[in-house]
N, C-alpha and C. Protein backbone atom coordinates (compact mmCIF):
# COMPACT_ATOMS: atom_id res chain seq x y z
N MET A 1 -42.79 3.49 9.27
CA MET A 1 -42.35 2.62 10.40
C MET A 1 -41.51 3.30 11.58
N GLY A 2 -41.75 3.15 12.81
CA GLY A 2 -40.79 3.32 13.75
C GLY A 2 -39.59 2.19 13.89
N MET A 3 -38.46 2.66 14.21
CA MET A 3 -37.52 1.79 14.71
C MET A 3 -36.43 2.22 15.52
N ASN A 4 -36.27 1.70 16.55
CA ASN A 4 -35.06 1.88 17.42
C ASN A 4 -33.58 1.28 16.94
N VAL A 5 -32.57 2.29 17.09
CA VAL A 5 -31.19 1.51 16.60
C VAL A 5 -30.39 1.80 17.63
N ASN A 6 -29.60 0.88 18.10
CA ASN A 6 -28.58 1.29 19.38
C ASN A 6 -27.09 1.47 18.43
N LEU A 7 -26.40 2.44 18.60
CA LEU A 7 -24.87 2.92 18.10
C LEU A 7 -24.18 2.90 19.05
N THR A 8 -22.91 2.51 18.74
CA THR A 8 -21.68 2.75 19.80
C THR A 8 -21.56 4.41 19.81
N PRO A 9 -20.94 4.37 20.86
CA PRO A 9 -20.67 5.89 21.01
C PRO A 9 -20.04 6.76 20.01
N GLN A 10 -18.92 6.09 19.32
CA GLN A 10 -18.34 6.35 18.31
C GLN A 10 -19.21 6.86 16.84
N LEU A 11 -20.09 6.00 16.59
CA LEU A 11 -21.06 5.86 15.66
C LEU A 11 -22.06 7.13 15.85
N GLU A 12 -22.70 7.20 17.29
CA GLU A 12 -23.67 8.09 17.92
C GLU A 12 -22.74 9.51 17.44
N GLU A 13 -21.58 9.75 18.02
CA GLU A 13 -21.07 11.03 17.72
C GLU A 13 -21.01 11.37 16.25
N LEU A 14 -20.56 10.56 15.59
CA LEU A 14 -20.66 10.68 13.92
C LEU A 14 -21.82 11.26 13.59
N VAL A 15 -22.88 10.42 13.70
CA VAL A 15 -24.69 11.10 13.55
C VAL A 15 -24.62 12.46 13.96
N ARG A 16 -24.44 12.49 15.40
CA ARG A 16 -24.43 14.01 15.40
C ARG A 16 -23.49 14.97 14.93
N ALA A 17 -22.25 14.87 14.74
CA ALA A 17 -21.85 15.74 13.90
C ALA A 17 -22.27 15.68 12.60
N LYS A 18 -22.58 15.00 11.81
CA LYS A 18 -23.09 15.14 10.87
C LYS A 18 -24.44 16.24 10.62
N VAL A 19 -25.57 15.98 11.55
CA VAL A 19 -26.15 16.82 11.74
C VAL A 19 -26.03 18.46 12.17
N ALA A 20 -24.83 18.29 13.11
CA ALA A 20 -24.30 19.77 13.41
C ALA A 20 -23.84 20.48 12.41
N SER A 21 -23.06 19.77 11.42
CA SER A 21 -22.64 20.34 10.34
C SER A 21 -23.47 21.24 9.36
N GLY A 22 -25.01 20.79 9.33
CA GLY A 22 -25.91 21.47 8.93
C GLY A 22 -26.16 20.83 7.39
N MET A 23 -25.30 19.49 7.16
CA MET A 23 -25.63 18.92 5.79
C MET A 23 -26.78 18.12 5.93
N TYR A 24 -27.12 17.48 7.22
CA TYR A 24 -28.30 16.72 7.47
C TYR A 24 -29.38 17.41 8.60
N THR A 25 -30.63 17.23 8.15
CA THR A 25 -31.43 18.14 9.39
C THR A 25 -31.92 16.99 10.41
N SER A 26 -31.66 15.53 10.43
CA SER A 26 -31.83 14.77 11.56
C SER A 26 -30.98 13.44 11.54
N ALA A 27 -31.24 12.90 12.61
CA ALA A 27 -30.30 11.62 12.76
C ALA A 27 -30.78 10.48 11.63
N SER A 28 -32.17 10.45 11.87
CA SER A 28 -32.87 9.75 10.81
C SER A 28 -32.38 9.94 9.22
N GLU A 29 -31.96 11.51 8.91
CA GLU A 29 -31.77 11.69 7.39
C GLU A 29 -30.01 10.91 7.15
N VAL A 30 -29.58 10.90 8.34
CA VAL A 30 -27.99 10.44 8.43
C VAL A 30 -28.06 9.02 8.37
N VAL A 31 -28.83 8.60 8.90
CA VAL A 31 -28.93 6.96 8.90
C VAL A 31 -29.45 6.52 7.42
N ARG A 32 -31.06 7.10 6.75
CA ARG A 32 -31.10 6.87 5.51
C ARG A 32 -29.98 7.04 4.32
N GLU A 33 -29.28 7.83 4.52
CA GLU A 33 -28.35 8.34 3.65
C GLU A 33 -27.37 7.27 3.64
N ALA A 34 -27.05 7.12 4.76
CA ALA A 34 -25.87 6.03 4.99
C ALA A 34 -26.38 4.55 4.45
N LEU A 35 -27.58 4.30 4.86
CA LEU A 35 -28.17 2.92 4.04
C LEU A 35 -28.24 2.62 2.83
N ARG A 36 -28.54 3.91 2.08
CA ARG A 36 -28.58 4.25 0.62
C ARG A 36 -27.13 3.75 0.09
N LEU A 37 -26.33 4.36 0.52
CA LEU A 37 -24.95 4.58 0.15
C LEU A 37 -24.43 3.16 0.44
N MET A 38 -24.92 2.17 1.42
CA MET A 38 -24.57 0.84 1.82
C MET A 38 -25.06 0.02 0.42
N ASP A 39 -26.13 0.47 0.18
CA ASP A 39 -27.04 -0.79 -0.68
C ASP A 39 -26.10 -0.42 -2.20
N GLU A 40 -25.98 0.76 -2.34
CA GLU A 40 -25.40 0.96 -3.73
C GLU A 40 -23.88 0.33 -3.73
N GLN A 41 -23.06 0.50 -2.61
CA GLN A 41 -21.87 -0.16 -2.42
C GLN A 41 -21.91 -1.82 -2.44
N ASP A 42 -23.32 -2.39 -2.15
CA ASP A 42 -23.38 -3.87 -2.14
C ASP A 42 -23.57 -4.11 -3.78
N ARG A 43 -24.37 -3.56 -4.23
CA ARG A 43 -24.96 -3.41 -5.80
C ARG A 43 -23.54 -3.54 -6.84
N VAL A 44 -22.57 -2.59 -6.49
CA VAL A 44 -21.47 -2.25 -7.31
C VAL A 44 -20.54 -3.50 -6.76
N ARG A 45 -20.18 -3.84 -5.54
CA ARG A 45 -19.75 -5.26 -5.25
C ARG A 45 -20.26 -6.69 -6.10
N ALA A 46 -21.65 -6.62 -5.91
CA ALA A 46 -22.04 -7.70 -6.86
C ALA A 46 -21.99 -7.88 -8.23
N ALA A 47 -21.54 -6.60 -8.88
CA ALA A 47 -21.60 -6.60 -10.23
C ALA A 47 -19.98 -6.69 -10.45
N LYS A 48 -19.16 -6.26 -9.75
CA LYS A 48 -17.91 -6.62 -10.11
C LYS A 48 -17.93 -8.26 -9.77
N LEU A 49 -18.22 -8.69 -8.69
CA LEU A 49 -18.08 -10.17 -8.53
C LEU A 49 -18.68 -11.02 -9.69
N GLU A 50 -19.92 -10.53 -10.11
CA GLU A 50 -20.20 -11.11 -11.61
C GLU A 50 -19.29 -11.15 -12.46
N GLN A 51 -18.90 -9.97 -12.46
CA GLN A 51 -17.95 -9.74 -14.00
C GLN A 51 -16.62 -10.60 -13.71
N LEU A 52 -16.32 -10.59 -12.58
CA LEU A 52 -15.13 -11.62 -12.08
C LEU A 52 -15.31 -12.77 -12.57
N ARG A 53 -16.54 -13.51 -12.20
CA ARG A 53 -17.13 -14.80 -12.58
C ARG A 53 -17.08 -15.32 -14.10
N GLU A 54 -17.68 -13.96 -14.72
CA GLU A 54 -17.85 -14.32 -16.00
C GLU A 54 -16.27 -14.23 -16.70
N ASP A 55 -15.35 -13.57 -16.59
CA ASP A 55 -14.00 -13.36 -16.62
C ASP A 55 -13.43 -14.93 -16.65
N ILE A 56 -13.67 -15.55 -15.31
CA ILE A 56 -13.06 -16.66 -15.25
C ILE A 56 -13.81 -17.96 -16.21
N ARG A 57 -15.06 -17.89 -16.17
CA ARG A 57 -15.49 -18.78 -17.52
C ARG A 57 -15.22 -18.66 -18.69
N GLU A 58 -14.90 -17.08 -19.28
CA GLU A 58 -14.40 -16.98 -20.41
C GLU A 58 -12.75 -17.51 -20.44
N GLY A 59 -12.39 -17.50 -19.45
CA GLY A 59 -10.81 -18.22 -19.40
C GLY A 59 -10.62 -19.43 -19.49
N LEU A 60 -11.71 -20.08 -18.69
CA LEU A 60 -11.66 -21.14 -18.58
C LEU A 60 -12.05 -21.96 -20.03
N ALA A 61 -13.09 -21.28 -20.70
CA ALA A 61 -13.80 -21.68 -21.98
C ALA A 61 -12.72 -21.35 -23.17
N SER A 62 -11.65 -20.72 -22.96
CA SER A 62 -10.69 -20.18 -23.92
C SER A 62 -9.74 -21.57 -24.33
N GLY A 63 -9.77 -22.74 -23.40
CA GLY A 63 -8.57 -23.78 -23.98
C GLY A 63 -7.62 -23.66 -22.96
N ALA A 64 -6.73 -24.74 -23.25
CA ALA A 64 -5.80 -25.00 -22.45
C ALA A 64 -4.58 -23.85 -22.67
N SER A 65 -3.85 -23.65 -21.17
CA SER A 65 -2.86 -22.25 -21.53
C SER A 65 -1.64 -23.09 -22.73
N GLN A 66 -1.07 -22.03 -23.24
CA GLN A 66 0.22 -22.26 -23.78
C GLN A 66 1.59 -22.01 -23.26
N PRO A 67 2.53 -22.41 -23.60
CA PRO A 67 3.88 -22.16 -22.95
C PRO A 67 4.39 -20.67 -23.03
N TRP A 68 4.80 -19.91 -22.37
CA TRP A 68 5.12 -18.67 -22.37
C TRP A 68 6.57 -18.46 -22.06
N SER A 69 7.39 -17.26 -23.17
CA SER A 69 8.61 -17.43 -22.94
C SER A 69 8.73 -15.95 -22.96
N ALA A 70 9.50 -15.13 -22.02
CA ALA A 70 9.68 -13.92 -22.18
C ALA A 70 10.86 -13.66 -23.21
N SER A 71 11.53 -14.14 -23.39
CA SER A 71 12.70 -14.05 -24.60
C SER A 71 12.10 -13.98 -25.80
N LYS A 72 10.94 -15.13 -25.89
CA LYS A 72 10.12 -15.22 -27.53
C LYS A 72 9.63 -14.10 -27.69
N MET A 73 8.64 -13.63 -26.45
CA MET A 73 8.01 -12.47 -26.25
C MET A 73 8.82 -10.96 -26.89
N LYS A 74 9.84 -11.07 -26.13
CA LYS A 74 10.71 -9.72 -26.37
C LYS A 74 11.16 -9.62 -27.94
N SER A 75 11.72 -11.30 -28.51
CA SER A 75 11.99 -11.19 -29.77
C SER A 75 11.15 -11.08 -30.86
N ASP A 76 9.87 -11.51 -30.80
CA ASP A 76 8.56 -10.97 -31.30
C ASP A 76 8.32 -9.67 -31.53
N ALA A 77 8.21 -8.88 -30.55
CA ALA A 77 8.04 -7.56 -30.34
C ALA A 77 9.15 -6.65 -31.14
N LEU A 78 10.53 -7.19 -31.01
CA LEU A 78 11.52 -6.39 -31.84
C LEU A 78 11.13 -6.72 -33.10
N ALA A 79 11.08 -7.66 -33.47
CA ALA A 79 10.68 -8.04 -34.87
C ALA A 79 9.70 -7.00 -35.39
N ARG A 80 8.70 -6.93 -34.52
CA ARG A 80 7.42 -6.29 -35.18
C ARG A 80 7.69 -4.87 -35.19
N ARG A 81 8.63 -4.21 -34.27
CA ARG A 81 8.86 -2.97 -34.34
C ARG A 81 10.20 -2.60 -35.40
N ALA A 82 10.64 -3.71 -35.52
CA ALA A 82 11.94 -3.37 -37.05
C ALA A 82 10.91 -3.39 -38.00
N ARG A 83 9.65 -4.17 -38.29
CA ARG A 83 9.30 -3.93 -39.63
C ARG A 83 8.04 -3.04 -39.67
N LYS A 84 7.91 -2.41 -38.68
CA LYS A 84 7.20 -0.85 -38.55
C LYS A 84 8.06 0.14 -39.07
N ALA A 85 9.49 0.07 -38.70
CA ALA A 85 10.75 0.93 -38.90
C ALA A 85 10.85 1.05 -40.37
N ALA A 86 10.68 -0.10 -40.89
CA ALA A 86 11.32 -0.50 -42.01
C ALA A 86 10.28 0.37 -43.25
């Protein structure tokens, strides 16, 4: 399937530079690689979003939040440390 694509001058120069570097043999190869990378990035982004949604569901299902006190947490940690040292 043939397709014509219009690029900005900056993107056109980038494609030309990639071909000139020898890493790619044609502009089509550069564009195909860019599209593969974009597809991979989209899949990673979707997986991260799904994980975030799952984490939120787990958090909501865990029940009501409990009050938190920095001083209580510190004293509990110091007590555990003292028990380990004994």
